[in-house]
Each structure stands twice: as C-alpha cells, then as structure tokens.
Amino acid sequence: MKKILLIEDDEYLLLLIERFLKSKGFNVLTAENGFIGLILAKEQKPDLIICDIKMPVLDGYGVLENIRKDLKIAKIPVFFISFYADDESISRAYQLGVNDYLKKPLDLNELLAKIKHKLQLN
C-alpha cells in the first residue's frame, strides 16, 4: 500500500482529500502545517507528498526546500496544491523542485490520475 503524506491547514479540505485517497487504497498521513509535515516526512518517508503552499508555521516552499536538502527524503515526489496560480508562484515552485502543481479547487480525479502516474500505478 502506497503511503501519501498530505500537508494542508484547511481542516475540511484535509479530511476530504484524506477520505478520497483512503477510499482509493492509499495509506494517508496528515499534517495541519508544514512543520509537522516535515517531521512526518522524515520519520515516515512517504511515497509521495501533497502540500499546500500558504500555511502557518512553515509554508509549502519551506517544506519543499527542506525536503530537497535532506538526502534521505530528497527524491520523494512533492505535489503542491494552491489557490495561487500566478506565474511567479508556479515558477518558484518548479525552481525549488516541485513535481506537480495543482490549482484549487481541486479535481480529485485529476489528483488521483497524477498520483497514479507519478507512482506508476495502474
């Protein structure tokens, strides 16, 4: 069972995505801010991380920078989810090494397709 870490400060969206992914057979870990998410990433070494950008304590960019600097978890694919869809936000994300960038409101089936593609699942 593939393990996905979901880092999202919006409780409703966190539960919605968590339930959806669990219903599709994934083991889902959740964190309500980037700091907790980073700790979980280091401890649990998930197969993929889905992370909001604008969050308290540590934002998505900070999470991504820390993940890419840590050789033990640097190769984990990271998807950003955000309302911010401007060129500057997207460009910064890709410069820091994000694997994909999905705009909110999320299309859960699109998210699932991208996860399956990245993890090479059928």
C-alpha atoms as a PDB file:
ATOM      1  CA  MET A   1       0.000   0.000   0.000  1.00  0.00           C
ATOM      2  CA  LYS A   2       1.474   3.344  -1.066  1.00  0.00           C
ATOM      3  CA  LYS A   3       1.886   5.958   1.649  1.00  0.00           C
ATOM      4  CA  ILE A   4       0.907   9.565   0.948  1.00  0.00           C
ATOM      5  CA  LEU A   5       1.596  12.490   3.255  1.00  0.00           C
ATOM      6  CA  LEU A   6      -0.984  15.260   2.989  1.00  0.00           C
ATOM      7  CA  ILE A   7       0.005  18.654   4.429  1.00  0.00           C
ATOM      8  CA  GLU A   8      -2.940  21.059   4.471  1.00  0.00           C
ATOM      9  CA  ASP A   9      -4.082  23.634   7.043  1.00  0.00           C
ATOM     10  CA  ASP A  10      -7.715  23.738   5.843  1.00  0.00           C
ATOM     11  CA  GLU A  11      -9.324  21.048   8.017  1.00  0.00           C
ATOM     12  CA  TYR A  12     -12.249  20.454   5.649  1.00  0.00           C
ATOM     13  CA  LEU A  13     -10.017  20.019   2.603  1.00  0.00           C
ATOM     14  CA  LEU A  14      -7.599  17.842   4.582  1.00  0.00           C
ATOM     15  CA  LEU A  15     -10.421  15.462   5.557  1.00  0.00           C
ATOM     16  CA  LEU A  16     -11.936  15.493   2.065  1.00  0.00           C
ATOM     17  CA  ILE A  17      -8.668  14.559   0.331  1.00  0.00           C
ATOM     18  CA  GLU A  18      -7.714  12.084   3.073  1.00  0.00           C
ATOM     19  CA  ARG A  19     -11.027  10.212   2.795  1.00  0.00           C
ATOM     20  CA  PHE A  20     -10.900  10.216  -1.001  1.00  0.00           C
ATOM     21  CA  LEU A  21      -7.356   8.807  -1.131  1.00  0.00           C
ATOM     22  CA  LYS A  22      -8.086   6.215   1.561  1.00  0.00           C
ATOM     23  CA  SER A  23     -11.121   5.078  -0.439  1.00  0.00           C
ATOM     24  CA  LYS A  24      -8.739   4.518  -3.378  1.00  0.00           C
ATOM     25  CA  GLY A  25      -6.479   2.254  -1.303  1.00  0.00           C
ATOM     26  CA  PHE A  26      -3.755   4.631  -0.120  1.00  0.00           C
ATOM     27  CA  ASN A  27      -2.300   4.865   3.368  1.00  0.00           C
ATOM     28  CA  VAL A  28      -2.698   8.580   4.157  1.00  0.00           C
ATOM     29  CA  LEU A  29      -0.779  10.518   6.797  1.00  0.00           C
ATOM     30  CA  THR A  30      -1.913  14.070   7.553  1.00  0.00           C
ATOM     31  CA  ALA A  31      -0.335  17.213   8.953  1.00  0.00           C
ATOM     32  CA  GLU A  32      -2.030  20.551   9.583  1.00  0.00           C
ATOM     33  CA  ASN A  33       1.077  22.654   8.985  1.00  0.00           C
ATOM     34  CA  GLY A  34       4.409  22.450   7.213  1.00  0.00           C
ATOM     35  CA  PHE A  35       6.498  21.971  10.354  1.00  0.00           C
ATOM     36  CA  ILE A  36       4.570  18.864  11.418  1.00  0.00           C
ATOM     37  CA  GLY A  37       4.535  17.697   7.789  1.00  0.00           C
ATOM     38  CA  LEU A  38       8.309  17.937   7.541  1.00  0.00           C
ATOM     39  CA  ILE A  39       8.766  15.902  10.731  1.00  0.00           C
ATOM     40  CA  LEU A  40       6.366  13.238   9.394  1.00  0.00           C
ATOM     41  CA  ALA A  41       8.160  13.189   6.026  1.00  0.00           C
ATOM     42  CA  LYS A  42      11.474  12.484   7.769  1.00  0.00           C
ATOM     43  CA  GLU A  43      10.014   9.861  10.120  1.00  0.00           C
ATOM     44  CA  GLN A  44       7.642   8.056   7.749  1.00  0.00           C
ATOM     45  CA  LYS A  45       9.336   8.513   4.341  1.00  0.00           C
ATOM     46  CA  PRO A  46       6.084   8.549   2.332  1.00  0.00           C
ATOM     47  CA  ASP A  47       5.931   7.562  -1.346  1.00  0.00           C
ATOM     48  CA  LEU A  48       4.502  10.978  -2.265  1.00  0.00           C
ATOM     49  CA  ILE A  49       3.749  14.286  -0.528  1.00  0.00           C
ATOM     50  CA  ILE A  50       0.817  16.584  -1.301  1.00  0.00           C
ATOM     51  CA  CYS A  51       1.375  20.005   0.222  1.00  0.00           C
ATOM     52  CA  ASP A  52      -0.499  23.294   0.386  1.00  0.00           C
ATOM     53  CA  ILE A  53       1.631  26.405  -0.117  1.00  0.00           C
ATOM     54  CA  LYS A  54       0.130  29.032   2.196  1.00  0.00           C
ATOM     55  CA  MET A  55       0.188  27.614   5.725  1.00  0.00           C
ATOM     56  CA  PRO A  56       1.116  28.760   9.225  1.00  0.00           C
ATOM     57  CA  VAL A  57       4.435  27.880  10.896  1.00  0.00           C
ATOM     58  CA  LEU A  58       6.199  26.657   7.716  1.00  0.00           C
ATOM     59  CA  ASP A  59       4.793  27.254   4.245  1.00  0.00           C
ATOM     60  CA  GLY A  60       4.914  24.828   1.327  1.00  0.00           C
ATOM     61  CA  TYR A  61       8.001  26.442  -0.175  1.00  0.00           C
ATOM     62  CA  GLY A  62       9.835  25.953   3.133  1.00  0.00           C
ATOM     63  CA  VAL A  63       8.698  22.345   3.318  1.00  0.00           C
ATOM     64  CA  LEU A  64       9.883  21.686  -0.237  1.00  0.00           C
ATOM     65  CA  GLU A  65      13.269  23.373   0.307  1.00  0.00           C
ATOM     66  CA  ASN A  66      13.888  21.294   3.436  1.00  0.00           C
ATOM     67  CA  ILE A  67      12.852  18.057   1.722  1.00  0.00           C
ATOM     68  CA  ARG A  68      15.117  18.657  -1.282  1.00  0.00           C
ATOM     69  CA  LYS A  69      18.099  19.399   1.021  1.00  0.00           C
ATOM     70  CA  ASP A  70      17.691  16.172   3.027  1.00  0.00           C
ATOM     71  CA  LEU A  71      19.281  13.284   1.120  1.00  0.00           C
ATOM     72  CA  LYS A  72      17.127  10.694   2.933  1.00  0.00           C
ATOM     73  CA  ILE A  73      13.888  12.180   1.576  1.00  0.00           C
ATOM     74  CA  ALA A  74      15.031  14.399  -1.312  1.00  0.00           C
ATOM     75  CA  LYS A  75      13.718  12.032  -4.000  1.00  0.00           C
ATOM     76  CA  ILE A  76      10.141  11.883  -2.666  1.00  0.00           C
ATOM     77  CA  PRO A  77       7.767  13.393  -5.244  1.00  0.00           C
ATOM     78  CA  VAL A  78       6.027  16.540  -3.997  1.00  0.00           C
ATOM     79  CA  PHE A  79       2.788  17.944  -5.419  1.00  0.00           C
ATOM     80  CA  PHE A  80       1.700  21.459  -4.482  1.00  0.00           C
ATOM     81  CA  ILE A  81      -1.964  22.359  -4.185  1.00  0.00           C
ATOM     82  CA  SER A  82      -2.798  26.055  -4.052  1.00  0.00           C
ATOM     83  CA  PHE A  83      -5.248  28.813  -4.875  1.00  0.00           C
ATOM     84  CA  TYR A  84      -2.223  30.786  -6.049  1.00  0.00           C
ATOM     85  CA  ALA A  85      -1.998  30.107  -9.752  1.00  0.00           C
ATOM     86  CA  ASP A  86       0.062  33.097 -10.856  1.00  0.00           C
ATOM     87  CA  ASP A  87       3.174  32.553 -12.960  1.00  0.00           C
ATOM     88  CA  GLU A  88       5.515  33.696 -10.183  1.00  0.00           C
ATOM     89  CA  SER A  89       4.155  31.186  -7.612  1.00  0.00           C
ATOM     90  CA  ILE A  90       4.218  28.328 -10.105  1.00  0.00           C
ATOM     91  CA  SER A  91       7.690  29.232 -11.394  1.00  0.00           C
ATOM     92  CA  ARG A  92       9.093  29.423  -7.844  1.00  0.00           C
ATOM     93  CA  ALA A  93       7.615  26.013  -7.052  1.00  0.00           C
ATOM     94  CA  TYR A  94       9.252  24.363 -10.053  1.00  0.00           C
ATOM     95  CA  GLN A  95      12.576  26.119  -9.377  1.00  0.00           C
ATOM     96  CA  LEU A  96      12.541  24.591  -5.894  1.00  0.00           C
ATOM     97  CA  GLY A  97      11.884  21.143  -7.328  1.00  0.00           C
ATOM     98  CA  VAL A  98       8.134  20.514  -7.060  1.00  0.00           C
ATOM     99  CA  ASN A  99       6.942  17.601  -9.214  1.00  0.00           C
ATOM    100  CA  ASP A 100       3.456  18.911  -9.959  1.00  0.00           C
ATOM    101  CA  TYR A 101       1.281  21.929  -9.188  1.00  0.00           C
ATOM    102  CA  LEU A 102      -2.491  21.603  -8.907  1.00  0.00           C
ATOM    103  CA  LYS A 103      -4.791  24.553  -8.569  1.00  0.00           C
ATOM    104  CA  LYS A 104      -7.588  24.738  -6.009  1.00  0.00           C
ATOM    105  CA  PRO A 105     -10.420  23.981  -6.111  1.00  0.00           C
ATOM    106  CA  LEU A 106      -9.037  20.514  -6.676  1.00  0.00           C
ATOM    107  CA  ASP A 107     -10.365  17.994  -9.119  1.00  0.00           C
ATOM    108  CA  LEU A 108      -9.891  14.847  -7.013  1.00  0.00           C
ATOM    109  CA  ASN A 109      -9.932  12.561 -10.051  1.00  0.00           C
ATOM    110  CA  GLU A 110      -7.193  14.635 -11.690  1.00  0.00           C
ATOM    111  CA  LEU A 111      -5.194  14.437  -8.455  1.00  0.00           C
ATOM    112  CA  LEU A 112      -5.659  10.660  -8.377  1.00  0.00           C
ATOM    113  CA  ALA A 113      -4.571  10.319 -12.022  1.00  0.00           C
ATOM    114  CA  LYS A 114      -1.426  12.369 -11.370  1.00  0.00           C
ATOM    115  CA  ILE A 115      -0.599  10.341  -8.244  1.00  0.00           C
ATOM    116  CA  LYS A 116      -1.043   7.053 -10.116  1.00  0.00           C
ATOM    117  CA  HIS A 117       1.084   8.315 -12.997  1.00  0.00           C
ATOM    118  CA  LYS A 118       3.878   9.534 -10.694  1.00  0.00           C
ATOM    119  CA  LEU A 119       3.886   6.328  -8.641  1.00  0.00           C
ATOM    120  CA  GLN A 120       3.478   4.213 -11.787  1.00  0.00           C
ATOM    121  CA  LEU A 121       0.270   2.558 -10.615  1.00  0.00           C
ATOM    122  CA  ASN A 122      -2.489   1.249 -12.863  1.00  0.00           C
END
